[in-house]
């Protein structure tokens, strides 16, 4: 299982969207434990070295190494890519 780290920006977004924070954390943890289980909800972003995880109407932008998943940003589908 990979470790999960949140940037200050991502942690602030979790506080701002507290009603969905638990579901988002659970999906990130599930991906860290078994990436294949959420393969349909993960896509590599173009132009940057990051991926996105779909959690309902929210998107989690993250990078990963062999041992760590680093969550960069969390936000609603419409505004996360700006």
N, C-alpha and C. Protein backbone atom coordinates (compact mmCIF):
# COMPACT_ATOMS: atom_id res chain seq x y z
N UNK A 1 0.84 -1.19 0.00
CA UNK A 1 0.00 0.00 0.00
C UNK A 1 0.88 1.25 0.00
N UNK A 2 0.54 2.19 -0.86
CA UNK A 2 1.29 3.44 -0.93
C UNK A 2 0.83 4.39 0.16
N UNK A 3 1.73 5.29 0.57
CA UNK A 3 1.36 6.31 1.53
C UNK A 3 0.65 7.44 0.80
N UNK A 4 -0.26 8.11 1.50
CA UNK A 4 -1.00 9.22 0.92
C UNK A 4 -0.57 10.51 1.61
N UNK A 5 -0.22 11.52 0.80
CA UNK A 5 0.17 12.83 1.34
C UNK A 5 -0.69 13.88 0.67
N UNK A 6 -1.08 14.88 1.44
CA UNK A 6 -1.90 15.98 0.93
C UNK A 6 -1.10 17.27 0.97
N UNK A 7 -1.11 18.03 -0.12
CA UNK A 7 -0.48 19.34 -0.11
C UNK A 7 -1.36 20.28 0.72
N UNK A 8 -0.81 21.42 1.16
CA UNK A 8 -1.65 22.38 1.91
C UNK A 8 -2.88 22.82 1.11
N UNK A 9 -2.75 22.97 -0.19
CA UNK A 9 -3.89 23.35 -1.03
C UNK A 9 -4.98 22.29 -0.98
N UNK A 10 -4.59 21.03 -1.07
CA UNK A 10 -5.56 19.93 -1.04
C UNK A 10 -6.22 19.82 0.34
N UNK A 11 -5.43 19.99 1.40
CA UNK A 11 -5.98 19.92 2.76
C UNK A 11 -7.00 21.03 2.98
N UNK A 12 -6.71 22.21 2.46
CA UNK A 12 -7.64 23.34 2.59
C UNK A 12 -8.94 23.05 1.82
N UNK A 13 -8.82 22.44 0.65
CA UNK A 13 -10.00 22.09 -0.15
C UNK A 13 -10.86 21.05 0.57
N UNK A 14 -10.22 20.11 1.26
CA UNK A 14 -10.98 19.12 2.02
C UNK A 14 -11.78 19.79 3.13
N UNK A 15 -11.19 20.77 3.79
CA UNK A 15 -11.92 21.50 4.84
C UNK A 15 -13.08 22.28 4.24
N UNK A 16 -12.85 22.86 3.06
CA UNK A 16 -13.89 23.67 2.41
C UNK A 16 -15.06 22.79 1.97
N UNK A 17 -14.79 21.56 1.59
CA UNK A 17 -15.83 20.63 1.14
C UNK A 17 -15.99 19.51 2.16
N UNK A 18 -16.20 19.89 3.40
CA UNK A 18 -16.22 18.93 4.51
C UNK A 18 -17.30 17.86 4.36
N UNK A 19 -18.42 18.21 3.71
CA UNK A 19 -19.49 17.23 3.56
C UNK A 19 -19.10 16.07 2.64
N UNK A 20 -18.10 16.26 1.78
CA UNK A 20 -17.65 15.20 0.88
C UNK A 20 -16.25 14.69 1.23
N UNK A 21 -15.62 15.26 2.24
CA UNK A 21 -14.22 14.95 2.56
C UNK A 21 -14.01 13.47 2.85
N UNK A 22 -14.92 12.87 3.59
CA UNK A 22 -14.73 11.46 3.97
C UNK A 22 -14.77 10.55 2.74
N UNK A 23 -15.69 10.81 1.83
CA UNK A 23 -15.78 10.00 0.61
C UNK A 23 -14.52 10.17 -0.25
N UNK A 24 -14.03 11.40 -0.33
CA UNK A 24 -12.83 11.67 -1.12
C UNK A 24 -11.63 10.96 -0.52
N UNK A 25 -11.46 11.09 0.80
CA UNK A 25 -10.34 10.41 1.47
C UNK A 25 -10.42 8.90 1.27
N UNK A 26 -11.61 8.34 1.36
CA UNK A 26 -11.78 6.89 1.21
C UNK A 26 -11.37 6.43 -0.20
N UNK A 27 -11.76 7.20 -1.22
CA UNK A 27 -11.39 6.82 -2.59
C UNK A 27 -9.89 6.92 -2.82
N UNK A 28 -9.27 7.97 -2.28
CA UNK A 28 -7.82 8.12 -2.43
C UNK A 28 -7.11 6.96 -1.73
N UNK A 29 -7.58 6.61 -0.55
CA UNK A 29 -6.98 5.50 0.19
C UNK A 29 -7.17 4.18 -0.55
N UNK A 30 -8.35 4.00 -1.14
CA UNK A 30 -8.63 2.79 -1.93
C UNK A 30 -7.69 2.72 -3.13
N UNK A 31 -7.46 3.85 -3.80
CA UNK A 31 -6.55 3.87 -4.95
C UNK A 31 -5.13 3.55 -4.51
N UNK A 32 -4.70 4.10 -3.37
CA UNK A 32 -3.35 3.85 -2.88
C UNK A 32 -3.15 2.37 -2.56
N UNK A 33 -4.19 1.71 -2.07
CA UNK A 33 -4.09 0.30 -1.72
C UNK A 33 -4.12 -0.60 -2.96
N UNK A 34 -4.96 -0.25 -3.95
CA UNK A 34 -5.12 -1.10 -5.12
C UNK A 34 -5.50 -0.25 -6.33
N UNK A 35 -4.50 0.28 -7.06
CA UNK A 35 -4.79 1.15 -8.21
C UNK A 35 -5.69 0.51 -9.27
N UNK A 36 -5.61 -0.78 -9.44
CA UNK A 36 -6.42 -1.44 -10.46
C UNK A 36 -7.91 -1.38 -10.15
N UNK A 37 -8.26 -1.26 -8.88
CA UNK A 37 -9.67 -1.25 -8.49
C UNK A 37 -10.39 0.00 -8.98
N UNK A 38 -9.67 1.09 -9.20
CA UNK A 38 -10.27 2.34 -9.67
C UNK A 38 -9.73 2.77 -11.03
N UNK A 39 -9.23 1.83 -11.80
CA UNK A 39 -8.61 2.16 -13.08
C UNK A 39 -9.56 2.91 -14.01
N UNK A 40 -10.85 2.62 -13.96
CA UNK A 40 -11.81 3.29 -14.84
C UNK A 40 -12.02 4.75 -14.45
N UNK A 41 -11.71 5.12 -13.21
CA UNK A 41 -11.92 6.49 -12.73
C UNK A 41 -10.65 7.32 -12.71
N UNK A 42 -9.54 6.78 -13.21
CA UNK A 42 -8.27 7.51 -13.19
C UNK A 42 -7.81 7.73 -14.62
N UNK A 43 -7.40 8.97 -14.91
CA UNK A 43 -6.87 9.30 -16.22
C UNK A 43 -5.60 10.13 -16.05
N UNK A 44 -4.67 9.98 -16.97
CA UNK A 44 -3.46 10.80 -16.98
C UNK A 44 -3.81 12.12 -17.67
N UNK A 45 -3.43 13.23 -17.05
CA UNK A 45 -3.71 14.54 -17.62
C UNK A 45 -2.68 14.89 -18.68
N UNK A 46 -3.12 15.61 -19.69
CA UNK A 46 -2.22 16.02 -20.76
C UNK A 46 -1.49 17.29 -20.36
N UNK A 47 -0.20 17.36 -20.70
CA UNK A 47 0.58 18.57 -20.48
C UNK A 47 1.21 18.68 -19.11
N UNK A 48 0.83 17.82 -18.17
CA UNK A 48 1.42 17.83 -16.83
C UNK A 48 1.68 16.39 -16.39
N UNK A 49 2.55 16.24 -15.43
CA UNK A 49 2.85 14.90 -14.89
C UNK A 49 1.91 14.60 -13.73
N UNK A 50 0.62 14.56 -13.99
CA UNK A 50 -0.35 14.30 -12.93
C UNK A 50 -1.48 13.44 -13.48
N UNK A 51 -2.25 12.89 -12.56
CA UNK A 51 -3.42 12.10 -12.91
C UNK A 51 -4.62 12.68 -12.19
N UNK A 52 -5.82 12.28 -12.63
CA UNK A 52 -7.00 12.73 -11.92
C UNK A 52 -7.85 11.52 -11.56
N UNK A 53 -8.42 11.60 -10.38
CA UNK A 53 -9.32 10.57 -9.87
C UNK A 53 -10.71 11.18 -9.77
N UNK A 54 -11.68 10.51 -10.33
CA UNK A 54 -13.06 11.00 -10.29
C UNK A 54 -13.74 10.45 -9.05
N UNK A 55 -14.31 11.35 -8.24
CA UNK A 55 -15.08 10.96 -7.05
C UNK A 55 -16.41 11.71 -7.15
N UNK A 56 -17.39 11.11 -7.78
CA UNK A 56 -18.67 11.79 -8.00
C UNK A 56 -18.44 13.02 -8.88
N UNK A 57 -18.91 14.18 -8.40
CA UNK A 57 -18.74 15.43 -9.13
C UNK A 57 -17.42 16.11 -8.80
N UNK A 58 -16.60 15.50 -7.97
CA UNK A 58 -15.32 16.08 -7.59
C UNK A 58 -14.18 15.39 -8.32
N UNK A 59 -13.08 16.13 -8.48
CA UNK A 59 -11.89 15.59 -9.11
C UNK A 59 -10.72 15.76 -8.15
N UNK A 60 -9.89 14.74 -8.07
CA UNK A 60 -8.69 14.76 -7.24
C UNK A 60 -7.50 14.70 -8.19
N UNK A 61 -6.68 15.73 -8.18
CA UNK A 61 -5.49 15.79 -9.03
C UNK A 61 -4.32 15.32 -8.16
N UNK A 62 -3.57 14.34 -8.65
CA UNK A 62 -2.49 13.77 -7.84
C UNK A 62 -1.33 13.30 -8.70
N UNK A 63 -0.20 13.13 -8.04
CA UNK A 63 0.96 12.49 -8.66
C UNK A 63 1.27 11.25 -7.82
N UNK A 64 2.01 10.32 -8.41
CA UNK A 64 2.36 9.14 -7.63
C UNK A 64 3.76 8.66 -7.99
N UNK A 65 4.39 8.09 -6.97
CA UNK A 65 5.67 7.42 -7.15
C UNK A 65 5.46 5.97 -6.76
N UNK A 66 6.53 5.23 -6.67
CA UNK A 66 6.41 3.82 -6.29
C UNK A 66 5.90 3.64 -4.86
N UNK A 67 6.09 4.66 -4.01
CA UNK A 67 5.72 4.51 -2.60
C UNK A 67 4.70 5.53 -2.11
N UNK A 68 4.42 6.57 -2.88
CA UNK A 68 3.59 7.67 -2.38
C UNK A 68 2.58 8.15 -3.42
N UNK A 69 1.39 8.49 -2.94
CA UNK A 69 0.39 9.20 -3.74
C UNK A 69 0.29 10.59 -3.12
N UNK A 70 0.63 11.63 -3.89
CA UNK A 70 0.59 13.00 -3.39
C UNK A 70 -0.60 13.72 -4.02
N UNK A 71 -1.57 14.09 -3.19
CA UNK A 71 -2.76 14.79 -3.66
C UNK A 71 -2.42 16.27 -3.78
N UNK A 72 -2.55 16.80 -5.00
CA UNK A 72 -2.20 18.20 -5.26
C UNK A 72 -3.39 19.14 -5.11
N UNK A 73 -4.53 18.77 -5.69
CA UNK A 73 -5.71 19.62 -5.66
C UNK A 73 -6.97 18.77 -5.60
N UNK A 74 -8.02 19.36 -5.00
CA UNK A 74 -9.33 18.71 -4.94
C UNK A 74 -10.36 19.79 -5.22
N UNK A 75 -11.32 19.49 -6.07
CA UNK A 75 -12.34 20.48 -6.35
C UNK A 75 -13.46 19.94 -7.21
N UNK A 76 -14.50 20.75 -7.38
CA UNK A 76 -15.62 20.35 -8.23
C UNK A 76 -15.18 20.21 -9.69
N UNK A 77 -15.87 19.39 -10.39
CA UNK A 77 -15.54 19.05 -11.77
C UNK A 77 -15.35 20.29 -12.64
N UNK A 78 -16.20 21.28 -12.52
CA UNK A 78 -16.17 22.44 -13.40
C UNK A 78 -14.95 23.33 -13.28
N UNK A 79 -14.42 23.51 -12.08
CA UNK A 79 -13.37 24.50 -11.90
C UNK A 79 -11.98 23.99 -11.58
N UNK A 80 -11.81 22.70 -11.48
CA UNK A 80 -10.53 22.16 -11.02
C UNK A 80 -9.42 22.30 -12.05
N UNK A 81 -9.75 22.35 -13.33
CA UNK A 81 -8.72 22.35 -14.36
C UNK A 81 -8.24 23.75 -14.74
N UNK A 82 -8.82 24.79 -14.16
CA UNK A 82 -8.45 26.17 -14.51
C UNK A 82 -7.05 26.52 -14.04
